[in-house]
Amino acid sequence: MYYKDDWHKAKERLMALWEREIIDRCCIAVAAPKDGKTDVSVFAVGECDPNDPEDIKNYWEDGERILKRNIKRMENTFFGGEAIPQIMLNFGTSGHAIYFGANYSYSKDTIWYSPIIDDWNTTPLSFNDEHPFLKKQLEIAAYLAREGQGKFFVSMPDNCGTLDAIAHLRGSENVLIDMVCASEKLKEAIKIVNRAWKEVSERFYRITSQCNEGGSTVGWMDTWAPGRHAQMQCDLSVMISPAMYREFVVPELEDQMEWIEFPVYHFDGKEQIRHLEYLLSLPKLKMIQWTNVAGQEPPTAFIPVFKRIQQAGKCLLIFCNPSEIPVLLSELSSRGLYIHTFASSVEEAKDILKYVEHNTRD
């Protein structure tokens, strides 16, 4: 691969990761700026005029412009370990709400949504598979996939979390009320949105897999799998009980895993620990990704939780600061472990890789 000459070794490790095996060390992604200053995140913000609506729209929807800013980023990035040169199809988190008519607006660094459904009886869900923005997204994906051949990968879009997408359409407070007052309407909505999600995901997978060696990636996680791979989540679950999670979220996940061959669940903060037993009981779930939420304890404070995940036979992807790596390696098995961290320089990234190589354990 043009931007990563050790991709074949990284691929070997990632293949082993899904089987909870070890080639020579646990997996670790550590990207660093070659010049010591470039933002190497897939979310790196390019140049646009935040006061010009047309320029912001072009920033998000012009494939050539997306390619140009990402090429600049990749040219200035050291992709250490299993860090992957790729372009993330960033059309907003839980962005499949757009295909059902969600109002959306652009800012320089994100896409915002506003609800459109006041009453399920008067505004039923309707999937528009000819939505102009969906067409534009598929065009962008196809363009980037052609340009990426042998150079970089193109990720799946961030169409994650069906209940979260419904919250975009209905409003989070209304969805929470629906769980009590209109549960059957909400369950039917989940089925409808999930059905469309699978259809659209397959279209994106067929396009992007052509430059992803037949597989797919989740851009911001630096994960790659040799088949249908996508992120699942329910950020709304921090506001619901375990009983409600079991009733509304578990069926959503089980349905999505009928399509996803290599599913990873995005675990967003310690409030979701109360739902962990239901996640661990899902036989098709292969990986749980832990995000260190701002204001909460560092990942090293949750070692017992991580051990539960590993003991249940799930792979574990942990986002952490470099200083936390020694504790994670000493307390956890390296089998099925993927550490995602960062470095301020190439030298620092290489030092981190050497440390992991010498401290991987069974």
Protein backbone atom coordinates (compact mmCIF):
# COMPACT_ATOMS: atom_id res chain seq x y z
CA MET A 1 0.00 0.00 0.00
CA TYR A 2 1.38 3.37 -1.06
CA TYR A 3 0.97 5.12 2.30
CA LYS A 4 1.85 2.09 4.44
CA ASP A 5 4.61 -0.23 3.28
CA ASP A 6 4.10 -2.66 6.18
CA TRP A 7 0.38 -3.16 5.50
CA HIS A 8 0.75 -6.89 4.81
CA LYS A 9 2.13 -7.47 8.32
CA ALA A 10 -0.55 -5.24 9.85
CA LYS A 11 -3.20 -7.15 7.91
CA GLU A 12 -1.86 -10.43 9.26
CA ARG A 13 -2.18 -9.11 12.81
CA LEU A 14 -5.70 -7.79 12.22
CA MET A 15 -6.79 -11.11 10.76
CA ALA A 16 -5.43 -12.83 13.88
CA LEU A 17 -7.15 -10.26 16.10
CA TRP A 18 -10.62 -11.37 15.01
CA GLU A 19 -9.69 -14.95 15.98
CA ARG A 20 -8.23 -13.74 19.30
CA GLU A 21 -4.81 -14.99 18.27
CA ILE A 22 -1.39 -13.32 18.38
CA ILE A 23 1.17 -13.16 15.57
CA ASP A 24 3.95 -11.37 17.45
CA ARG A 25 2.23 -8.79 19.67
CA CYS A 26 -1.18 -7.35 20.42
CA CYS A 27 -2.57 -4.95 17.85
CA ILE A 28 -1.88 -1.27 18.32
CA ALA A 29 -2.64 1.77 16.17
CA VAL A 30 -0.42 4.78 16.76
CA ALA A 31 -0.47 7.51 14.13
CA ALA A 32 1.90 10.45 14.35
CA PRO A 33 2.53 13.63 12.33
CA LYS A 34 5.73 13.44 10.31
CA ASP A 35 6.18 17.19 10.67
CA GLY A 36 5.23 17.22 14.36
CA LYS A 37 2.20 19.45 13.84
CA THR A 38 -0.29 18.08 11.25
CA ASP A 39 -3.62 16.83 12.64
CA VAL A 40 -3.50 13.16 11.64
CA SER A 41 -7.01 12.24 12.79
CA VAL A 42 -9.53 11.08 10.16
CA PHE A 43 -11.72 13.84 11.62
CA ALA A 44 -9.09 16.48 10.82
CA VAL A 45 -10.80 19.68 9.71
CA GLY A 46 -9.75 21.14 6.38
CA GLU A 47 -10.06 24.70 5.21
CA CYS A 48 -13.48 26.21 4.56
CA ASP A 49 -15.32 29.43 5.24
CA PRO A 50 -17.71 28.83 8.19
CA ASN A 51 -19.60 31.98 7.23
CA ASP A 52 -20.27 30.83 3.66
CA PRO A 53 -23.05 28.19 3.48
CA GLU A 54 -22.17 27.23 -0.09
CA ASP A 55 -18.51 26.73 0.78
CA ILE A 56 -19.37 24.57 3.78
CA LYS A 57 -21.77 22.48 1.65
CA ASN A 58 -19.06 22.04 -0.97
CA TYR A 59 -16.59 21.10 1.77
CA TRP A 60 -18.79 18.14 2.77
CA GLU A 61 -20.10 17.10 -0.66
CA ASP A 62 -17.27 17.64 -3.15
CA GLY A 63 -15.40 14.36 -3.61
CA GLU A 64 -12.29 15.99 -5.06
CA ARG A 65 -12.09 18.39 -2.16
CA ILE A 66 -12.50 15.54 0.34
CA LEU A 67 -9.75 13.62 -1.46
CA LYS A 68 -7.39 16.60 -1.56
CA ARG A 69 -7.51 17.34 2.17
CA ASN A 70 -7.15 13.67 3.08
CA ILE A 71 -4.20 13.15 0.73
CA LYS A 72 -2.49 16.05 2.48
CA ARG A 73 -3.18 14.40 5.84
CA MET A 74 -1.98 10.96 4.77
CA GLU A 75 1.20 12.32 3.17
CA ASN A 76 2.07 13.84 6.55
CA THR A 77 1.13 10.82 8.68
CA PHE A 78 3.27 8.00 10.04
CA PHE A 79 0.87 5.04 10.25
CA GLY A 80 2.41 3.07 13.10
CA GLY A 81 1.39 -0.48 13.89
CA GLU A 82 -2.11 -1.22 12.64
CA ALA A 83 -3.01 2.42 11.94
CA ILE A 84 -4.60 2.44 8.49
CA PRO A 85 -4.31 5.03 5.71
CA GLN A 86 -7.93 5.57 4.85
CA ILE A 87 -10.57 8.16 4.14
CA MET A 88 -13.55 8.08 6.44
CA LEU A 89 -16.94 8.54 4.80
CA ASN A 90 -17.98 11.14 7.34
CA PHE A 91 -21.58 12.12 6.70
CA GLY A 92 -22.55 12.54 10.33
CA THR A 93 -23.03 10.12 13.20
CA SER A 94 -26.20 8.02 12.79
CA GLY A 95 -26.46 9.75 9.45
CA HIS A 96 -28.92 7.25 8.00
CA ALA A 97 -31.59 9.41 9.63
CA ILE A 98 -31.16 11.65 6.60
CA TYR A 99 -32.61 9.00 4.29
CA PHE A 100 -35.85 9.26 6.28
CA GLY A 101 -36.06 13.02 5.89
CA ALA A 102 -34.20 14.27 8.94
CA ASN A 103 -33.33 17.95 8.72
CA TYR A 104 -29.58 18.42 8.66
CA SER A 105 -27.18 21.33 8.52
CA TYR A 106 -23.42 21.64 8.13
CA SER A 107 -20.87 23.30 10.34
CA LYS A 108 -17.11 23.28 9.83
CA ASP A 109 -16.55 20.11 11.84
CA THR A 110 -19.85 18.24 12.07
CA ILE A 111 -23.39 17.73 10.77
CA TRP A 112 -26.32 18.70 12.97
CA TYR A 113 -29.82 17.21 12.92
CA SER A 114 -33.25 18.46 13.95
CA PRO A 115 -36.38 16.29 14.45
CA ILE A 116 -39.22 16.06 11.97
CA ILE A 117 -41.60 13.56 13.61
CA ASP A 118 -44.02 15.03 16.14
CA ASP A 119 -46.53 12.19 16.02
CA TRP A 120 -46.00 8.64 14.73
CA ASN A 121 -49.59 8.54 13.46
CA THR A 122 -49.39 11.69 11.36
CA THR A 123 -45.73 11.42 10.23
CA PRO A 124 -44.91 7.79 9.51
CA LEU A 125 -41.36 6.73 8.67
CA SER A 126 -40.62 6.62 4.97
CA PHE A 127 -37.26 5.49 3.56
CA ASN A 128 -36.22 7.44 0.47
CA ASP A 129 -33.71 5.26 -1.38
CA GLU A 130 -33.46 8.04 -4.00
CA HIS A 131 -32.61 10.73 -1.47
CA PRO A 132 -30.30 13.29 -3.15
CA PHE A 133 -27.76 13.17 -0.34
CA LEU A 134 -27.67 9.36 -0.38
CA LYS A 135 -26.98 9.51 -4.11
CA LYS A 136 -24.24 12.05 -3.47
CA GLN A 137 -22.72 9.88 -0.73
CA LEU A 138 -22.61 6.84 -3.01
CA GLU A 139 -21.01 8.93 -5.77
CA ILE A 140 -18.36 10.17 -3.34
CA ALA A 141 -17.71 6.62 -2.10
CA ALA A 142 -17.30 5.33 -5.66
CA TYR A 143 -14.96 8.19 -6.60
CA LEU A 144 -12.77 7.73 -3.53
CA ALA A 145 -12.70 3.95 -3.98
CA ARG A 146 -11.42 4.39 -7.55
CA GLU A 147 -8.77 6.84 -6.41
CA GLY A 148 -7.78 4.68 -3.47
CA GLN A 149 -6.76 1.55 -5.37
CA GLY A 150 -3.43 0.44 -3.91
CA LYS A 151 -3.03 3.71 -1.99
CA PHE A 152 -5.58 3.91 0.83
CA PHE A 153 -8.83 2.41 2.07
CA VAL A 154 -12.30 3.97 2.19
CA SER A 155 -14.32 3.34 5.33
CA MET A 156 -17.97 2.55 5.82
CA PRO A 157 -20.06 5.68 6.56
CA ASP A 158 -20.85 6.56 10.15
CA ASN A 159 -24.42 5.24 9.85
CA CYS A 160 -24.32 3.71 13.31
CA GLY A 161 -27.03 3.22 15.91
CA THR A 162 -30.60 2.87 14.69
CA LEU A 163 -32.16 4.05 17.95
CA ASP A 164 -29.75 7.00 17.85
CA ALA A 165 -30.87 7.74 14.29
CA ILE A 166 -34.51 7.65 15.39
CA ALA A 167 -33.58 10.13 18.12
CA HIS A 168 -32.38 12.44 15.32
CA LEU A 169 -35.78 12.07 13.65
CA ARG A 170 -38.00 12.17 16.70
CA GLY A 171 -35.95 13.91 19.40
CA SER A 172 -34.25 12.04 22.24
CA GLU A 173 -36.80 13.08 24.87
CA ASN A 174 -39.68 11.87 22.71
CA VAL A 175 -37.98 8.53 22.06
CA LEU A 176 -37.55 8.02 25.80
CA ILE A 177 -41.24 8.77 26.32
CA ASP A 178 -42.12 6.40 23.45
CA MET A 179 -40.38 3.56 25.29
CA VAL A 180 -43.10 3.83 27.90
CA CYS A 181 -46.10 5.25 26.06
CA ALA A 182 -45.69 4.02 22.46
CA SER A 183 -43.42 1.00 22.70
CA GLU A 184 -44.93 -0.91 19.78
CA LYS A 185 -44.69 2.12 17.49
CA LEU A 186 -41.04 2.52 18.46
CA LYS A 187 -40.24 -1.15 17.93
CA GLU A 188 -41.79 -1.01 14.48
CA ALA A 189 -39.75 2.11 13.70
CA ILE A 190 -36.56 0.30 14.72
CA LYS A 191 -37.39 -2.53 12.31
CA ILE A 192 -38.09 -0.12 9.45
CA VAL A 193 -34.89 1.88 9.95
CA ASN A 194 -32.80 -1.26 10.42
CA ARG A 195 -34.14 -2.70 7.17
CA ALA A 196 -33.08 0.42 5.28
CA TRP A 197 -29.75 0.49 7.13
CA LYS A 198 -28.91 -3.01 5.91
CA GLU A 199 -29.87 -2.16 2.35
CA VAL A 200 -27.76 0.99 2.30
CA SER A 201 -24.83 -0.65 4.11
CA GLU A 202 -24.69 -3.34 1.46
CA ARG A 203 -24.51 -0.70 -1.27
CA PHE A 204 -21.62 1.07 0.48
CA TYR A 205 -19.87 -2.24 1.17
CA ARG A 206 -19.99 -3.32 -2.48
CA ILE A 207 -18.46 0.00 -3.53
CA THR A 208 -15.75 0.36 -0.88
CA SER A 209 -14.69 -3.29 -0.70
CA GLN A 210 -13.22 -2.89 -4.18
CA CYS A 211 -10.36 -0.83 -2.73
CA ASN A 212 -10.33 -2.47 0.72
CA GLU A 213 -9.00 -5.86 -0.40
CA GLY A 214 -12.52 -7.28 -0.27
CA GLY A 215 -13.07 -6.12 3.30
CA SER A 216 -14.25 -3.01 5.09
CA THR A 217 -13.12 -0.57 7.73
CA VAL A 218 -14.53 1.59 10.49
CA GLY A 219 -12.59 4.77 9.84
CA TRP A 220 -12.13 6.34 13.25
CA MET A 221 -11.38 3.01 14.97
CA ASP A 222 -8.62 1.92 12.57
CA THR A 223 -10.25 -1.49 12.26
CA TRP A 224 -10.25 -3.64 9.13
CA ALA A 225 -11.95 -6.98 8.57
CA PRO A 226 -12.05 -9.33 5.56
CA GLY A 227 -15.80 -8.95 5.05
CA ARG A 228 -18.81 -6.91 6.15
CA HIS A 229 -17.60 -4.90 9.11
CA ALA A 230 -19.46 -2.03 10.77
CA GLN A 231 -19.95 -0.20 14.03
CA MET A 232 -22.97 -0.66 16.26
CA GLN A 233 -23.89 1.65 19.10
CA CYS A 234 -26.63 3.11 21.24
CA ASP A 235 -25.40 6.32 22.85
CA LEU A 236 -28.99 6.94 23.96
CA SER A 237 -28.62 3.95 26.29
CA VAL A 238 -26.86 6.07 28.92
CA MET A 239 -30.36 7.35 29.72
CA ILE A 240 -32.25 4.06 29.94
CA SER A 241 -32.48 1.09 32.28
CA PRO A 242 -31.05 -2.39 31.59
CA ALA A 243 -34.61 -3.67 31.11
CA MET A 244 -35.26 -1.08 28.42
CA TYR A 245 -31.90 -1.86 26.81
CA ARG A 246 -32.86 -5.51 26.61
CA GLU A 247 -36.28 -4.66 25.18
CA PHE A 248 -35.32 -2.07 22.58
CA VAL A 249 -31.59 -2.20 21.88
CA VAL A 250 -30.75 -5.90 21.93
CA PRO A 251 -33.23 -6.71 19.11
CA GLU A 252 -31.74 -3.86 17.05
CA LEU A 253 -28.23 -5.29 17.48
CA GLU A 254 -29.29 -8.87 16.76
CA ASP A 255 -30.97 -7.73 13.56
CA GLN A 256 -27.93 -5.73 12.43
CA MET A 257 -25.64 -8.69 13.07
CA GLU A 258 -27.59 -10.66 10.49
CA TRP A 259 -25.73 -8.44 8.00
CA ILE A 260 -22.48 -7.60 9.82
CA GLU A 261 -19.94 -10.41 9.73
CA PHE A 262 -17.42 -8.61 11.96
CA PRO A 263 -19.44 -6.45 14.35
CA VAL A 264 -17.88 -4.00 16.80
CA TYR A 265 -19.90 -2.21 19.48
CA HIS A 266 -18.97 1.35 20.44
CA PHE A 267 -19.11 1.57 24.25
CA ASP A 268 -19.48 5.23 25.16
CA GLY A 269 -18.69 5.81 28.80
CA LYS A 270 -19.09 4.06 32.12
CA GLU A 271 -22.88 4.62 32.23
CA GLN A 272 -23.21 1.79 29.72
CA ILE A 273 -21.56 -0.75 32.02
CA ARG A 274 -24.99 -1.59 33.40
CA HIS A 275 -25.88 -3.00 29.97
CA LEU A 276 -22.71 -5.05 29.57
CA GLU A 277 -24.20 -8.41 30.48
CA TYR A 278 -26.59 -8.18 27.53
CA LEU A 279 -23.77 -7.31 25.13
CA LEU A 280 -21.63 -10.18 26.36
CA SER A 281 -24.53 -12.59 25.87
CA LEU A 282 -24.69 -11.84 22.12
CA PRO A 283 -22.89 -14.76 20.46
CA LYS A 284 -22.31 -12.94 17.16
CA LEU A 285 -20.73 -9.86 18.73
CA LYS A 286 -16.99 -10.04 18.14
CA MET A 287 -15.55 -6.81 19.56
CA ILE A 288 -16.31 -4.05 22.07
CA GLN A 289 -14.64 -0.65 21.67
CA TRP A 290 -14.10 1.46 24.78
CA THR A 291 -14.09 5.24 24.51
CA ASN A 292 -12.62 7.27 27.33
CA VAL A 293 -15.31 9.91 27.84
CA ALA A 294 -14.14 13.37 28.90
CA GLY A 295 -14.57 13.94 32.62
CA GLN A 296 -14.59 10.26 33.50
CA GLU A 297 -11.85 8.06 34.92
CA PRO A 298 -9.12 6.82 32.55
CA PRO A 299 -9.40 3.35 30.98
CA THR A 300 -7.02 1.92 33.58
CA ALA A 301 -9.76 2.43 36.20
CA PHE A 302 -11.92 -0.14 34.42
CA ILE A 303 -9.61 -3.16 34.33
CA PRO A 304 -12.23 -5.46 35.96
CA VAL A 305 -14.71 -4.49 33.21
CA PHE A 306 -12.14 -5.20 30.52
CA LYS A 307 -11.39 -8.59 32.04
CA ARG A 308 -15.10 -9.45 31.96
CA ILE A 309 -15.15 -8.61 28.26
CA GLN A 310 -12.10 -10.74 27.53
CA GLN A 311 -13.33 -13.64 29.65
CA ALA A 312 -16.56 -13.62 27.62
CA GLY A 313 -14.49 -14.26 24.49
CA LYS A 314 -14.88 -10.80 22.96
CA CYS A 315 -12.13 -8.77 21.34
CA LEU A 316 -11.39 -5.49 23.09
CA LEU A 317 -10.44 -2.18 21.45
CA ILE A 318 -9.32 0.49 23.94
CA PHE A 319 -8.71 4.16 23.16
CA CYS A 320 -6.12 5.45 25.62
CA ASN A 321 -3.24 7.81 26.31
CA PRO A 322 0.27 6.39 25.80
CA SER A 323 0.95 6.62 29.55
CA GLU A 324 -1.82 4.08 30.22
CA ILE A 325 -0.42 1.36 27.96
CA PRO A 326 1.89 -0.30 30.57
CA VAL A 327 -1.02 -0.97 32.95
CA LEU A 328 -3.24 -2.31 30.17
CA LEU A 329 -0.54 -4.68 28.93
CA SER A 330 0.28 -5.91 32.42
CA GLU A 331 -3.33 -6.52 33.45
CA LEU A 332 -4.96 -7.79 30.24
CA SER A 333 -4.40 -10.65 27.87
CA SER A 334 -2.94 -9.59 24.54
CA ARG A 335 -5.22 -12.05 22.76
CA GLY A 336 -7.94 -10.10 21.03
CA LEU A 337 -6.55 -6.83 22.41
CA TYR A 338 -6.28 -3.74 20.22
CA ILE A 339 -4.87 -0.53 21.68
CA HIS A 340 -5.59 2.77 19.94
CA THR A 341 -3.34 5.64 20.99
CA PHE A 342 -1.41 8.60 19.59
CA ALA A 343 2.04 10.16 19.46
CA SER A 344 3.34 13.64 18.84
CA SER A 345 6.26 12.48 16.69
CA VAL A 346 7.41 9.53 14.62
CA GLU A 347 10.15 8.78 17.16
CA GLU A 348 7.63 8.63 19.99
CA ALA A 349 5.35 6.36 17.94
CA LYS A 350 8.23 3.96 17.23
CA ASP A 351 9.16 3.89 20.92
CA ILE A 352 5.56 2.97 21.79
CA LEU A 353 5.61 0.16 19.23
CA LYS A 354 8.87 -1.20 20.65
CA TYR A 355 7.43 -1.15 24.14
CA VAL A 356 4.35 -3.09 23.06
CA GLU A 357 6.49 -5.62 21.18
CA HIS A 358 8.51 -6.34 24.32
CA ASN A 359 5.55 -6.42 26.71
CA THR A 360 2.93 -8.46 24.89
CA ARG A 361 1.77 -11.41 26.97
CA ASP A 362 -0.68 -14.25 26.60
